[in-house]
PDB file of all heavy atoms in Angstrom:
ATOM      1  N   ALA A   1    -117.275 107.520-172.148  1.00  0.00           N
ATOM      2  CA  ALA A   1    -118.146 108.235-173.091  1.00  0.00           C
ATOM      3  C   ALA A   1    -119.613 107.962-172.799  1.00  0.00           C
ATOM      4  O   ALA A   1    -120.455 108.880-172.847  1.00  0.00           O
ATOM      5  CB  ALA A   1    -117.805 107.811-174.516  1.00  0.00           C
ATOM      6  N   ALA A   2    -119.939 106.713-172.481  1.00  0.00           N
ATOM      7  CA  ALA A   2    -121.329 106.370-172.179  1.00  0.00           C
ATOM      8  C   ALA A   2    -121.822 107.105-170.941  1.00  0.00           C
ATOM      9  O   ALA A   2    -122.956 107.602-170.912  1.00  0.00           O
ATOM     10  CB  ALA A   2    -121.455 104.861-171.986  1.00  0.00           C
ATOM     11  N   LEU A   3    -120.982 107.181-169.920  1.00  0.00           N
ATOM     12  CA  LEU A   3    -121.376 107.880-168.695  1.00  0.00           C
ATOM     13  C   LEU A   3    -121.539 109.380-168.937  1.00  0.00           C
ATOM     14  O   LEU A   3    -122.403 110.026-168.345  1.00  0.00           O
ATOM     15  CB  LEU A   3    -120.337 107.639-167.598  1.00  0.00           C
ATOM     16  CG  LEU A   3    -120.263 106.228-167.021  1.00  0.00           C
ATOM     17  CD1 LEU A   3    -119.071 106.103-166.077  1.00  0.00           C
ATOM     18  CD2 LEU A   3    -121.550 105.859-166.290  1.00  0.00           C
ATOM     19  N   ALA A   4    -120.706 109.928-169.784  1.00  0.00           N
ATOM     20  CA  ALA A   4    -120.754 111.374-170.028  1.00  0.00           C
ATOM     21  C   ALA A   4    -121.919 111.778-170.926  1.00  0.00           C
ATOM     22  O   ALA A   4    -122.591 112.785-170.670  1.00  0.00           O
ATOM     23  CB  ALA A   4    -119.435 111.834-170.641  1.00  0.00           C
ATOM     24  N   TYR A   5    -122.167 111.001-171.987  1.00  0.00           N
ATOM     25  CA  TYR A   5    -123.145 111.415-172.988  1.00  0.00           C
ATOM     26  C   TYR A   5    -124.416 110.572-173.002  1.00  0.00           C
ATOM     27  O   TYR A   5    -125.418 110.982-173.579  1.00  0.00           O
ATOM     28  CB  TYR A   5    -122.496 111.391-174.375  1.00  0.00           C
ATOM     29  CG  TYR A   5    -121.392 112.407-174.500  1.00  0.00           C
ATOM     30  CD1 TYR A   5    -120.056 112.023-174.395  1.00  0.00           C
ATOM     31  CD2 TYR A   5    -121.681 113.757-174.690  1.00  0.00           C
ATOM     32  CE1 TYR A   5    -119.034 112.964-174.495  1.00  0.00           C
ATOM     33  CE2 TYR A   5    -120.662 114.698-174.783  1.00  0.00           C
ATOM     34  CZ  TYR A   5    -119.342 114.289-174.684  1.00  0.00           C
ATOM     35  OH  TYR A   5    -118.341 115.220-174.767  1.00  0.00           O
ATOM     36  N   GLY A   6    -124.359 109.388-172.381  1.00  0.00           N
ATOM     37  CA  GLY A   6    -125.519 108.525-172.350  1.00  0.00           C
ATOM     38  C   GLY A   6    -125.677 107.713-173.628  1.00  0.00           C
ATOM     39  O   GLY A   6    -125.193 108.087-174.703  1.00  0.00           O
ATOM     40  N   THR A   7    -126.344 106.575-173.498  1.00  0.00           N
ATOM     41  CA  THR A   7    -126.688 105.731-174.656  1.00  0.00           C
ATOM     42  C   THR A   7    -128.133 105.277-174.463  1.00  0.00           C
ATOM     43  O   THR A   7    -128.797 105.691-173.516  1.00  0.00           O
ATOM     44  CB  THR A   7    -125.767 104.492-174.746  1.00  0.00           C
ATOM     45  OG1 THR A   7    -126.099 103.577-173.688  1.00  0.00           O
ATOM     46  CG2 THR A   7    -124.304 104.869-174.663  1.00  0.00           C
ATOM     47  N   GLU A   8    -128.583 104.367-175.318  1.00  0.00           N
ATOM     48  CA  GLU A   8    -129.942 103.849-175.177  1.00  0.00           C
ATOM     49  C   GLU A   8    -130.130 103.136-173.832  1.00  0.00           C
ATOM     50  O   GLU A   8    -131.217 103.155-173.243  1.00  0.00           O
ATOM     51  CB  GLU A   8    -130.274 102.861-176.304  1.00  0.00           C
ATOM     52  CG  GLU A   8    -130.225 103.469-177.690  1.00  0.00           C
ATOM     53  CD  GLU A   8    -128.861 103.329-178.346  1.00  0.00           C
ATOM     54  OE1 GLU A   8    -127.838 103.357-177.621  1.00  0.00           O
ATOM     55  OE2 GLU A   8    -128.809 103.190-179.569  1.00  0.00           O
ATOM     56  N   THR A   9    -129.070 102.506-173.347  1.00  0.00           N
ATOM     57  CA  THR A   9    -129.156 101.726-172.104  1.00  0.00           C
ATOM     58  C   THR A   9    -128.632 102.479-170.891  1.00  0.00           C
ATOM     59  O   THR A   9    -129.197 102.374-169.798  1.00  0.00           O
ATOM     60  CB  THR A   9    -128.356 100.410-172.259  1.00  0.00           C
ATOM     61  OG1 THR A   9    -128.906  99.663-173.342  1.00  0.00           O
ATOM     62  CG2 THR A   9    -128.415  99.575-170.988  1.00  0.00           C
ATOM     63  N   ILE A  10    -127.568 103.229-171.086  1.00  0.00           N
ATOM     64  CA  ILE A  10    -126.903 103.893-169.960  1.00  0.00           C
ATOM     65  C   ILE A  10    -127.237 105.378-169.957  1.00  0.00           C
ATOM     66  O   ILE A  10    -126.883 106.109-170.887  1.00  0.00           O
ATOM     67  CB  ILE A  10    -125.372 103.699-170.039  1.00  0.00           C
ATOM     68  CG1 ILE A  10    -125.030 102.215-170.100  1.00  0.00           C
ATOM     69  CG2 ILE A  10    -124.687 104.366-168.845  1.00  0.00           C
ATOM     70  CD1 ILE A  10    -123.566 101.921-170.375  1.00  0.00           C
ATOM     71  N   LYS A  11    -127.914 105.803-168.927  1.00  0.00           N
ATOM     72  CA  LYS A  11    -128.262 107.218-168.789  1.00  0.00           C
ATOM     73  C   LYS A  11    -127.045 107.997-168.293  1.00  0.00           C
ATOM     74  O   LYS A  11    -126.299 107.527-167.432  1.00  0.00           O
ATOM     75  CB  LYS A  11    -129.431 107.365-167.809  1.00  0.00           C
ATOM     76  CG  LYS A  11    -129.982 108.773-167.705  1.00  0.00           C
ATOM     77  CD  LYS A  11    -131.150 108.820-166.718  1.00  0.00           C
ATOM     78  CE  LYS A  11    -131.661 110.243-166.532  1.00  0.00           C
ATOM     79  NZ  LYS A  11    -132.751 110.301-165.529  1.00  0.00           N
ATOM     80  N   ALA A  12    -126.853 109.194-168.825  1.00  0.00           N
ATOM     81  CA  ALA A  12    -125.691 110.004-168.470  1.00  0.00           C
ATOM     82  C   ALA A  12    -125.691 110.370-166.990  1.00  0.00           C
ATOM     83  O   ALA A  12    -126.731 110.423-166.336  1.00  0.00           O
ATOM     84  CB  ALA A  12    -125.656 111.268-169.326  1.00  0.00           C
ATOM     85  N   VAL A  13    -124.489 110.638-166.467  1.00  0.00           N
ATOM     86  CA  VAL A  13    -124.313 111.032-165.067  1.00  0.00           C
ATOM     87  C   VAL A  13    -123.759 112.448-165.000  1.00  0.00           C
ATOM     88  O   VAL A  13    -123.496 113.086-166.022  1.00  0.00           O
ATOM     89  CB  VAL A  13    -123.378 110.044-164.338  1.00  0.00           C
ATOM     90  CG1 VAL A  13    -123.953 108.634-164.358  1.00  0.00           C
ATOM     91  CG2 VAL A  13    -121.971 110.076-164.933  1.00  0.00           C
ATOM     92  N   ASP A  14    -123.563 112.929-163.783  1.00  0.00           N
ATOM     93  CA  ASP A  14    -123.041 114.281-163.586  1.00  0.00           C
ATOM     94  C   ASP A  14    -121.550 114.303-163.264  1.00  0.00           C
ATOM     95  O   ASP A  14    -120.879 115.310-163.490  1.00  0.00           O
ATOM     96  CB  ASP A  14    -123.790 114.973-162.442  1.00  0.00           C
ATOM     97  CG  ASP A  14    -125.272 115.079-162.720  1.00  0.00           C
ATOM     98  OD1 ASP A  14    -125.625 115.536-163.824  1.00  0.00           O
ATOM     99  OD2 ASP A  14    -126.081 114.688-161.856  1.00  0.00           O
ATOM    100  N   LYS A  15    -121.051 113.181-162.740  1.00  0.00           N
ATOM    101  CA  LYS A  15    -119.628 113.126-162.369  1.00  0.00           C
ATOM    102  C   LYS A  15    -119.132 111.696-162.522  1.00  0.00           C
ATOM    103  O   LYS A  15    -119.876 110.740-162.291  1.00  0.00           O
ATOM    104  CB  LYS A  15    -119.419 113.598-160.925  1.00  0.00           C
ATOM    105  CG  LYS A  15    -117.947 113.697-160.517  1.00  0.00           C
ATOM    106  CD  LYS A  15    -117.771 114.437-159.206  1.00  0.00           C
ATOM    107  CE  LYS A  15    -116.294 114.662-158.916  1.00  0.00           C
ATOM    108  NZ  LYS A  15    -116.073 115.492-157.704  1.00  0.00           N
ATOM    109  N   ILE A  16    -117.859 111.569-162.902  1.00  0.00           N
ATOM    110  CA  ILE A  16    -117.226 110.260-163.047  1.00  0.00           C
ATOM    111  C   ILE A  16    -116.023 110.186-162.112  1.00  0.00           C
ATOM    112  O   ILE A  16    -115.180 111.088-162.111  1.00  0.00           O
ATOM    113  CB  ILE A  16    -116.775 110.015-164.501  1.00  0.00           C
ATOM    114  CG1 ILE A  16    -117.958 110.127-165.466  1.00  0.00           C
ATOM    115  CG2 ILE A  16    -116.098 108.655-164.634  1.00  0.00           C
ATOM    116  CD1 ILE A  16    -117.557 110.116-166.934  1.00  0.00           C
ATOM    117  N   THR A  17    -115.952 109.117-161.333  1.00  0.00           N
ATOM    118  CA  THR A  17    -114.811 108.915-160.447  1.00  0.00           C
ATOM    119  C   THR A  17    -114.257 107.508-160.656  1.00  0.00           C
ATOM    120  O   THR A  17    -114.896 106.657-161.253  1.00  0.00           O
ATOM    121  CB  THR A  17    -115.181 109.086-158.961  1.00  0.00           C
ATOM    122  OG1 THR A  17    -115.961 107.954-158.532  1.00  0.00           O
ATOM    123  CG2 THR A  17    -115.977 110.354-158.720  1.00  0.00           C
ATOM    124  N   GLY A  18    -113.067 107.289-160.139  1.00  0.00           N
ATOM    125  CA  GLY A  18    -112.474 105.965-160.180  1.00  0.00           C
ATOM    126  C   GLY A  18    -111.255 105.900-161.089  1.00  0.00           C
ATOM    127  O   GLY A  18    -111.159 106.624-162.081  1.00  0.00           O
ATOM    128  N   PRO A  19    -110.302 105.025-160.753  1.00  0.00           N
ATOM    129  CA  PRO A  19    -109.060 104.899-161.516  1.00  0.00           C
ATOM    130  C   PRO A  19    -109.235 104.036-162.747  1.00  0.00           C
ATOM    131  O   PRO A  19    -110.206 103.298-162.890  1.00  0.00           O
ATOM    132  CB  PRO A  19    -108.126 104.211-160.508  1.00  0.00           C
ATOM    133  CG  PRO A  19    -109.063 103.345-159.701  1.00  0.00           C
ATOM    134  CD  PRO A  19    -110.342 104.127-159.587  1.00  0.00           C
ATOM    135  N   GLY A  20    -108.267 104.123-163.660  1.00  0.00           N
ATOM    136  CA  GLY A  20    -108.287 103.290-164.855  1.00  0.00           C
ATOM    137  C   GLY A  20    -106.965 103.398-165.584  1.00  0.00           C
ATOM    138  O   GLY A  20    -106.050 104.108-165.142  1.00  0.00           O
ATOM    139  N   ASN A  21    -106.854 102.735-166.731  1.00  0.00           N
ATOM    140  CA  ASN A  21    -105.616 102.782-167.498  1.00  0.00           C
ATOM    141  C   ASN A  21    -105.499 104.104-168.257  1.00  0.00           C
ATOM    142  O   ASN A  21    -106.304 105.016-168.075  1.00  0.00           O
ATOM    143  CB  ASN A  21    -105.531 101.575-168.443  1.00  0.00           C
ATOM    144  CG  ASN A  21    -106.675 101.550-169.454  1.00  0.00           C
ATOM    145  OD1 ASN A  21    -107.335 102.558-169.708  1.00  0.00           O
ATOM    146  ND2 ASN A  21    -106.918 100.386-170.035  1.00  0.00           N
ATOM    147  N   SER A  22    -104.500 104.183-169.127  1.00  0.00           N
ATOM    148  CA  SER A  22    -104.263 105.448-169.846  1.00  0.00           C
ATOM    149  C   SER A  22    -105.446 105.850-170.712  1.00  0.00           C
ATOM    150  O   SER A  22    -105.761 107.041-170.846  1.00  0.00           O
ATOM    151  CB  SER A  22    -103.009 105.329-170.707  1.00  0.00           C
ATOM    152  OG  SER A  22    -101.862 105.160-169.909  1.00  0.00           O
ATOM    153  N   PHE A  23    -106.125 104.876-171.333  1.00  0.00           N
ATOM    154  CA  PHE A  23    -107.298 105.188-172.159  1.00  0.00           C
ATOM    155  C   PHE A  23    -108.407 105.809-171.307  1.00  0.00           C
ATOM    156  O   PHE A  23    -109.063 106.763-171.711  1.00  0.00           O
ATOM    157  CB  PHE A  23    -107.818 103.914-172.832  1.00  0.00           C
ATOM    158  CG  PHE A  23    -106.936 103.411-173.945  1.00  0.00           C
ATOM    159  CD1 PHE A  23    -106.078 102.355-173.738  1.00  0.00           C
ATOM    160  CD2 PHE A  23    -106.959 104.025-175.186  1.00  0.00           C
ATOM    161  CE1 PHE A  23    -105.261 101.884-174.760  1.00  0.00           C
ATOM    162  CE2 PHE A  23    -106.156 103.575-176.219  1.00  0.00           C
ATOM    163  CZ  PHE A  23    -105.301 102.498-176.006  1.00  0.00           C
ATOM    164  N   VAL A  24    -108.606 105.247-170.121  1.00  0.00           N
ATOM    165  CA  VAL A  24    -109.635 105.763-169.217  1.00  0.00           C
ATOM    166  C   VAL A  24    -109.280 107.165-168.737  1.00  0.00           C
ATOM    167  O   VAL A  24    -110.117 108.074-168.726  1.00  0.00           O
ATOM    168  CB  VAL A  24    -109.829 104.803-168.029  1.00  0.00           C
ATOM    169  CG1 VAL A  24    -110.727 105.429-166.960  1.00  0.00           C
ATOM    170  CG2 VAL A  24    -110.408 103.476-168.498  1.00  0.00           C
ATOM    171  N   ALA A  25    -108.017 107.354-168.345  1.00  0.00           N
ATOM    172  CA  ALA A  25    -107.584 108.666-167.854  1.00  0.00           C
ATOM    173  C   ALA A  25    -107.733 109.733-168.935  1.00  0.00           C
ATOM    174  O   ALA A  25    -108.216 110.847-168.675  1.00  0.00           O
ATOM    175  CB  ALA A  25    -106.136 108.588-167.377  1.00  0.00           C
ATOM    176  N   LEU A  26    -107.333 109.400-170.158  1.00  0.00           N
ATOM    177  CA  LEU A  26    -107.452 110.362-171.247  1.00  0.00           C
ATOM    178  C   LEU A  26    -108.905 110.649-171.585  1.00  0.00           C
ATOM    179  O   LEU A  26    -109.271 111.790-171.890  1.00  0.00           O
ATOM    180  CB  LEU A  26    -106.722 109.842-172.486  1.00  0.00           C
ATOM    181  CG  LEU A  26    -105.199 109.902-172.428  1.00  0.00           C
ATOM    182  CD1 LEU A  26    -104.593 109.130-173.591  1.00  0.00           C
ATOM    183  CD2 LEU A  26    -104.707 111.338-172.436  1.00  0.00           C
ATOM    184  N   ALA A  27    -109.745 109.620-171.533  1.00  0.00           N
ATOM    185  CA  ALA A  27    -111.169 109.823-171.811  1.00  0.00           C
ATOM    186  C   ALA A  27    -111.799 110.729-170.759  1.00  0.00           C
ATOM    187  O   ALA A  27    -112.628 111.591-171.085  1.00  0.00           O
ATOM    188  CB  ALA A  27    -111.885 108.477-171.863  1.00  0.00           C
ATOM    189  N   LYS A  28    -111.429 110.538-169.499  1.00  0.00           N
ATOM    190  CA  LYS A  28    -111.946 111.413-168.445  1.00  0.00           C
ATOM    191  C   LYS A  28    -111.542 112.859-168.707  1.00  0.00           C
ATOM    192  O   LYS A  28    -112.341 113.784-168.522  1.00  0.00           O
ATOM    193  CB  LYS A  28    -111.444 110.945-167.076  1.00  0.00           C
ATOM    194  CG  LYS A  28    -112.127 109.683-166.570  1.00  0.00           C
ATOM    195  CD  LYS A  28    -111.459 109.121-165.337  1.00  0.00           C
ATOM    196  CE  LYS A  28    -111.666 109.959-164.109  1.00  0.00           C
ATOM    197  NZ  LYS A  28    -111.081 109.325-162.900  1.00  0.00           N
ATOM    198  N   ARG A  29    -110.322 113.043-169.139  1.00  0.00           N
ATOM    199  CA  ARG A  29    -109.855 114.397-169.444  1.00  0.00           C
ATOM    200  C   ARG A  29    -110.648 114.995-170.602  1.00  0.00           C
ATOM    201  O   ARG A  29    -110.994 116.182-170.596  1.00  0.00           O
ATOM    202  CB  ARG A  29    -108.364 114.364-169.779  1.00  0.00           C
ATOM    203  CG  ARG A  29    -107.760 115.726-170.050  1.00  0.00           C
ATOM    204  CD  ARG A  29    -106.290 115.603-170.400  1.00  0.00           C
ATOM    205  NE  ARG A  29    -105.502 115.163-169.265  1.00  0.00           N
ATOM    206  CZ  ARG A  29    -104.207 114.847-169.344  1.00  0.00           C
ATOM    207  NH1 ARG A  29    -103.586 114.899-170.510  1.00  0.00           N
ATOM    208  NH2 ARG A  29    -103.558 114.474-168.268  1.00  0.00           N
ATOM    209  N   GLU A  30    -110.955 114.171-171.616  1.00  0.00           N
ATOM    210  CA  GLU A  30    -111.677 114.651-172.791  1.00  0.00           C
ATOM    211  C   GLU A  30    -113.115 115.058-172.474  1.00  0.00           C
ATOM    212  O   GLU A  30    -113.636 116.004-173.053  1.00  0.00           O
ATOM    213  CB  GLU A  30    -111.678 113.569-173.875  1.00  0.00           C
ATOM    214  CG  GLU A  30    -110.358 113.400-174.589  1.00  0.00           C
ATOM    215  CD  GLU A  30    -109.967 114.632-175.387  1.00  0.00           C
ATOM    216  OE1 GLU A  30    -110.722 115.018-176.297  1.00  0.00           O
ATOM    217  OE2 GLU A  30    -108.909 115.221-175.085  1.00  0.00           O
ATOM    218  N   VAL A  31    -113.778 114.334-171.557  1.00  0.00           N
ATOM    219  CA  VAL A  31    -115.196 114.635-171.278  1.00  0.00           C
ATOM    220  C   VAL A  31    -115.358 115.637-170.141  1.00  0.00           C
ATOM    221  O   VAL A  31    -116.480 116.053-169.841  1.00  0.00           O
ATOM    222  CB  VAL A  31    -115.994 113.352-170.957  1.00  0.00           C
ATOM    223  CG1 VAL A  31    -115.919 112.370-172.111  1.00  0.00           C
ATOM    224  CG2 VAL A  31    -115.524 112.699-169.650  1.00  0.00           C
ATOM    225  N   PHE A  32    -114.254 116.026-169.502  1.00  0.00           N
ATOM    226  CA  PHE A  32    -114.346 117.011-168.424  1.00  0.00           C
ATOM    227  C   PHE A  32    -114.912 118.319-168.965  1.00  0.00           C
ATOM    228  O   PHE A  32    -114.472 118.842-169.975  1.00  0.00           O
ATOM    229  CB  PHE A  32    -112.972 117.264-167.816  1.00  0.00           C
ATOM    230  CG  PHE A  32    -112.974 118.335-166.760  1.00  0.00           C
ATOM    231  CD1 PHE A  32    -113.669 118.149-165.581  1.00  0.00           C
ATOM    232  CD2 PHE A  32    -112.304 119.526-166.945  1.00  0.00           C
ATOM    233  CE1 PHE A  32    -113.679 119.130-164.613  1.00  0.00           C
ATOM    234  CE2 PHE A  32    -112.309 120.515-165.987  1.00  0.00           C
ATOM    235  CZ  PHE A  32    -113.002 120.312-164.806  1.00  0.00           C
TER     236      PHE A  32
END
């Protein structure tokens, strides 16, 4: 979520890559 939408510290990006657990996979699907 931080990579997709940004926070005060983390500026948003244009693409997210890399493996993760089920929570990570589902989150990637949600922000696609």
